[in-house]
Amino acid sequence: MRLYSAGLVILVCLSLFAKAEPRPGYARPAAQLYRRYCVSCHGTDGKSKTSKGKYSHARDLTDSGWHDDVSDERIFNSITNGRNVRGNMPAFGNKLKEDEINSLVTFIRGLKG
C-alpha cells in the first residue's frame, strides 16, 4: 500500500511540473487566440477603442466598408507578417499556425458591423 501511495504521489508531482505543450495538429480556438493576441489593440468588440489601439492606429475590425474592400488573403497576410502602413501591427506568423490564422480570419469576418 505504501509503494502504491508513493508511486501515486510521484506521478502527481511529475504531472504538475510537466510542460503543457499543445498536441501536434491541435489548433487553439479563434476566440481564445483573439483574446490572447488581438484584444489589447482591437478591443473585445473589435472597434480598436483601447488606449493601445488608438496609439498604434489599430484597424476598426467592425467597419463594414473595410470588410467589403479587403480580401481574406490580405487579412491572413497582415496577421502573419504584420503591417506598418497605417499603424504598427506586429507579425504573428512565428506564434500562430496556419490553421489558427485562418480561424482568426473567419473570426474577424464575424466582427463586421
C-alpha atoms as a PDB file:
ATOM      1  CA  MET A   1       0.000   0.000   0.000  1.00  0.00           C
ATOM      2  CA  ARG A   2       2.877   2.357   0.842  1.00  0.00           C
ATOM      3  CA  LEU A   3       4.511   1.668  -2.510  1.00  0.00           C
ATOM      4  CA  TYR A   4       1.260   2.405  -4.322  1.00  0.00           C
ATOM      5  CA  SER A   5       0.843   5.704  -2.438  1.00  0.00           C
ATOM      6  CA  ALA A   6       4.446   6.742  -3.121  1.00  0.00           C
ATOM      7  CA  GLY A   7       4.031   5.961  -6.824  1.00  0.00           C
ATOM      8  CA  LEU A   8       0.838   7.978  -6.977  1.00  0.00           C
ATOM      9  CA  VAL A   9       2.499  10.981  -5.306  1.00  0.00           C
ATOM     10  CA  ILE A  10       5.398  10.828  -7.776  1.00  0.00           C
ATOM     11  CA  LEU A  11       3.015  10.710 -10.745  1.00  0.00           C
ATOM     12  CA  VAL A  12       1.043  13.691  -9.451  1.00  0.00           C
ATOM     13  CA  CYS A  13       4.229  15.705  -8.886  1.00  0.00           C
ATOM     14  CA  LEU A  14       5.556  14.879 -12.338  1.00  0.00           C
ATOM     15  CA  SER A  15       2.303  15.908 -13.961  1.00  0.00           C
ATOM     16  CA  LEU A  16       2.424  19.266 -12.181  1.00  0.00           C
ATOM     17  CA  PHE A  17       5.898  20.005 -13.481  1.00  0.00           C
ATOM     18  CA  ALA A  18       5.354  18.693 -16.993  1.00  0.00           C
ATOM     19  CA  LYS A  19       5.394  21.423 -19.600  1.00  0.00           C
ATOM     20  CA  ALA A  20       1.979  21.742 -21.226  1.00  0.00           C
ATOM     21  CA  GLU A  21       2.595  21.552 -24.962  1.00  0.00           C
ATOM     22  CA  PRO A  22      -0.299  21.630 -27.403  1.00  0.00           C
ATOM     23  CA  ARG A  23      -0.890  18.327 -29.133  1.00  0.00           C
ATOM     24  CA  PRO A  24       0.559  18.122 -32.654  1.00  0.00           C
ATOM     25  CA  GLY A  25      -2.100  19.314 -35.056  1.00  0.00           C
ATOM     26  CA  TYR A  26      -4.066  20.981 -32.242  1.00  0.00           C
ATOM     27  CA  ALA A  27      -5.365  24.434 -33.151  1.00  0.00           C
ATOM     28  CA  ARG A  28      -6.475  26.749 -30.387  1.00  0.00           C
ATOM     29  CA  PRO A  29      -9.982  28.220 -30.784  1.00  0.00           C
ATOM     30  CA  ALA A  30     -10.153  31.554 -32.628  1.00  0.00           C
ATOM     31  CA  ALA A  31     -11.852  33.349 -29.723  1.00  0.00           C
ATOM     32  CA  GLN A  32      -9.023  32.278 -27.417  1.00  0.00           C
ATOM     33  CA  LEU A  33      -6.418  33.444 -29.943  1.00  0.00           C
ATOM     34  CA  TYR A  34      -8.192  36.773 -30.387  1.00  0.00           C
ATOM     35  CA  ARG A  35      -8.249  37.343 -26.615  1.00  0.00           C
ATOM     36  CA  ARG A  36      -4.564  36.419 -26.332  1.00  0.00           C
ATOM     37  CA  TYR A  37      -3.103  38.337 -29.276  1.00  0.00           C
ATOM     38  CA  CYS A  38      -5.606  40.913 -30.570  1.00  0.00           C
ATOM     39  CA  VAL A  39      -7.735  42.327 -27.767  1.00  0.00           C
ATOM     40  CA  SER A  40      -5.108  44.695 -26.356  1.00  0.00           C
ATOM     41  CA  CYS A  41      -5.218  46.784 -29.548  1.00  0.00           C
ATOM     42  CA  HIS A  42      -8.509  45.893 -31.254  1.00  0.00           C
ATOM     43  CA  GLY A  43     -10.605  45.578 -28.075  1.00  0.00           C
ATOM     44  CA  THR A  44     -13.102  42.886 -27.166  1.00  0.00           C
ATOM     45  CA  ASP A  45     -15.625  44.350 -29.611  1.00  0.00           C
ATOM     46  CA  GLY A  46     -13.105  44.866 -32.444  1.00  0.00           C
ATOM     47  CA  LYS A  47     -13.597  48.654 -32.552  1.00  0.00           C
ATOM     48  CA  SER A  48     -10.000  49.482 -31.520  1.00  0.00           C
ATOM     49  CA  LYS A  49     -11.062  51.951 -28.835  1.00  0.00           C
ATOM     50  CA  THR A  50      -8.371  50.794 -26.397  1.00  0.00           C
ATOM     51  CA  SER A  51      -5.593  53.233 -25.499  1.00  0.00           C
ATOM     52  CA  LYS A  52      -3.040  50.931 -27.142  1.00  0.00           C
ATOM     53  CA  GLY A  53      -5.276  50.640 -30.205  1.00  0.00           C
ATOM     54  CA  LYS A  54      -5.639  54.406 -30.519  1.00  0.00           C
ATOM     55  CA  TYR A  55      -1.896  54.932 -30.094  1.00  0.00           C
ATOM     56  CA  SER A  56      -0.988  52.343 -32.727  1.00  0.00           C
ATOM     57  CA  HIS A  57      -3.844  53.329 -35.084  1.00  0.00           C
ATOM     58  CA  ALA A  58      -5.278  49.814 -34.982  1.00  0.00           C
ATOM     59  CA  ARG A  59      -7.918  48.991 -37.558  1.00  0.00           C
ATOM     60  CA  ASP A  60     -11.590  49.014 -36.540  1.00  0.00           C
ATOM     61  CA  LEU A  61     -12.463  45.405 -37.311  1.00  0.00           C
ATOM     62  CA  THR A  62     -16.207  46.148 -37.284  1.00  0.00           C
ATOM     63  CA  ASP A  63     -16.032  48.629 -40.187  1.00  0.00           C
ATOM     64  CA  SER A  64     -18.249  47.130 -42.909  1.00  0.00           C
ATOM     65  CA  GLY A  65     -16.610  49.270 -45.618  1.00  0.00           C
ATOM     66  CA  TRP A  66     -13.226  47.828 -44.733  1.00  0.00           C
ATOM     67  CA  HIS A  67     -14.646  44.290 -44.774  1.00  0.00           C
ATOM     68  CA  ASP A  68     -16.051  44.909 -48.258  1.00  0.00           C
ATOM     69  CA  ASP A  69     -12.686  46.191 -49.550  1.00  0.00           C
ATOM     70  CA  VAL A  70     -10.255  43.706 -48.007  1.00  0.00           C
ATOM     71  CA  SER A  71      -9.710  40.069 -49.011  1.00  0.00           C
ATOM     72  CA  ASP A  72      -9.256  37.135 -46.651  1.00  0.00           C
ATOM     73  CA  GLU A  73      -5.757  36.764 -48.084  1.00  0.00           C
ATOM     74  CA  ARG A  74      -4.842  40.304 -47.063  1.00  0.00           C
ATOM     75  CA  ILE A  75      -6.124  39.763 -43.522  1.00  0.00           C
ATOM     76  CA  PHE A  76      -4.176  36.493 -43.382  1.00  0.00           C
ATOM     77  CA  ASN A  77      -1.008  38.250 -44.586  1.00  0.00           C
ATOM     78  CA  SER A  78      -1.468  41.109 -42.113  1.00  0.00           C
ATOM     79  CA  ILE A  79      -1.724  38.679 -39.210  1.00  0.00           C
ATOM     80  CA  THR A  80       1.215  36.617 -40.466  1.00  0.00           C
ATOM     81  CA  ASN A  81       3.616  39.412 -41.447  1.00  0.00           C
ATOM     82  CA  GLY A  82       2.322  42.440 -39.547  1.00  0.00           C
ATOM     83  CA  ARG A  83       1.623  45.844 -41.052  1.00  0.00           C
ATOM     84  CA  ASN A  84       3.401  49.176 -40.916  1.00  0.00           C
ATOM     85  CA  VAL A  85       1.278  51.097 -43.407  1.00  0.00           C
ATOM     86  CA  ARG A  86      -1.473  52.745 -41.372  1.00  0.00           C
ATOM     87  CA  GLY A  87      -0.287  51.721 -37.932  1.00  0.00           C
ATOM     88  CA  ASN A  88       2.176  49.365 -36.348  1.00  0.00           C
ATOM     89  CA  MET A  89       0.825  45.814 -36.163  1.00  0.00           C
ATOM     90  CA  PRO A  90       3.293  43.114 -35.111  1.00  0.00           C
ATOM     91  CA  ALA A  91       3.702  39.883 -37.056  1.00  0.00           C
ATOM     92  CA  PHE A  92       2.237  36.724 -35.526  1.00  0.00           C
ATOM     93  CA  GLY A  93       3.436  34.215 -38.116  1.00  0.00           C
ATOM     94  CA  ASN A  94       6.016  32.866 -35.696  1.00  0.00           C
ATOM     95  CA  LYS A  95       3.460  32.403 -32.895  1.00  0.00           C
ATOM     96  CA  LEU A  96       0.463  31.006 -34.764  1.00  0.00           C
ATOM     97  CA  LYS A  97      -0.079  28.031 -37.032  1.00  0.00           C
ATOM     98  CA  GLU A  98      -1.571  28.488 -40.486  1.00  0.00           C
ATOM     99  CA  ASP A  99      -4.910  26.962 -39.468  1.00  0.00           C
ATOM    100  CA  GLU A 100      -5.032  29.229 -36.396  1.00  0.00           C
ATOM    101  CA  ILE A 101      -4.510  32.286 -38.603  1.00  0.00           C
ATOM    102  CA  ASN A 102      -7.247  31.056 -40.949  1.00  0.00           C
ATOM    103  CA  SER A 103      -9.602  30.671 -37.983  1.00  0.00           C
ATOM    104  CA  LEU A 104      -8.759  34.226 -36.886  1.00  0.00           C
ATOM    105  CA  VAL A 105      -9.625  35.499 -40.375  1.00  0.00           C
ATOM    106  CA  THR A 106     -13.051  33.861 -40.048  1.00  0.00           C
ATOM    107  CA  PHE A 107     -13.436  35.249 -36.519  1.00  0.00           C
ATOM    108  CA  ILE A 108     -12.575  38.767 -37.736  1.00  0.00           C
ATOM    109  CA  ARG A 109     -15.121  38.449 -40.550  1.00  0.00           C
ATOM    110  CA  GLY A 110     -17.695  37.751 -37.839  1.00  0.00           C
ATOM    111  CA  LEU A 111     -16.985  41.142 -36.231  1.00  0.00           C
ATOM    112  CA  LYS A 112     -18.358  43.024 -39.268  1.00  0.00           C
ATOM    113  CA  GLY A 113     -20.809  45.643 -38.092  1.00  0.00           C
END
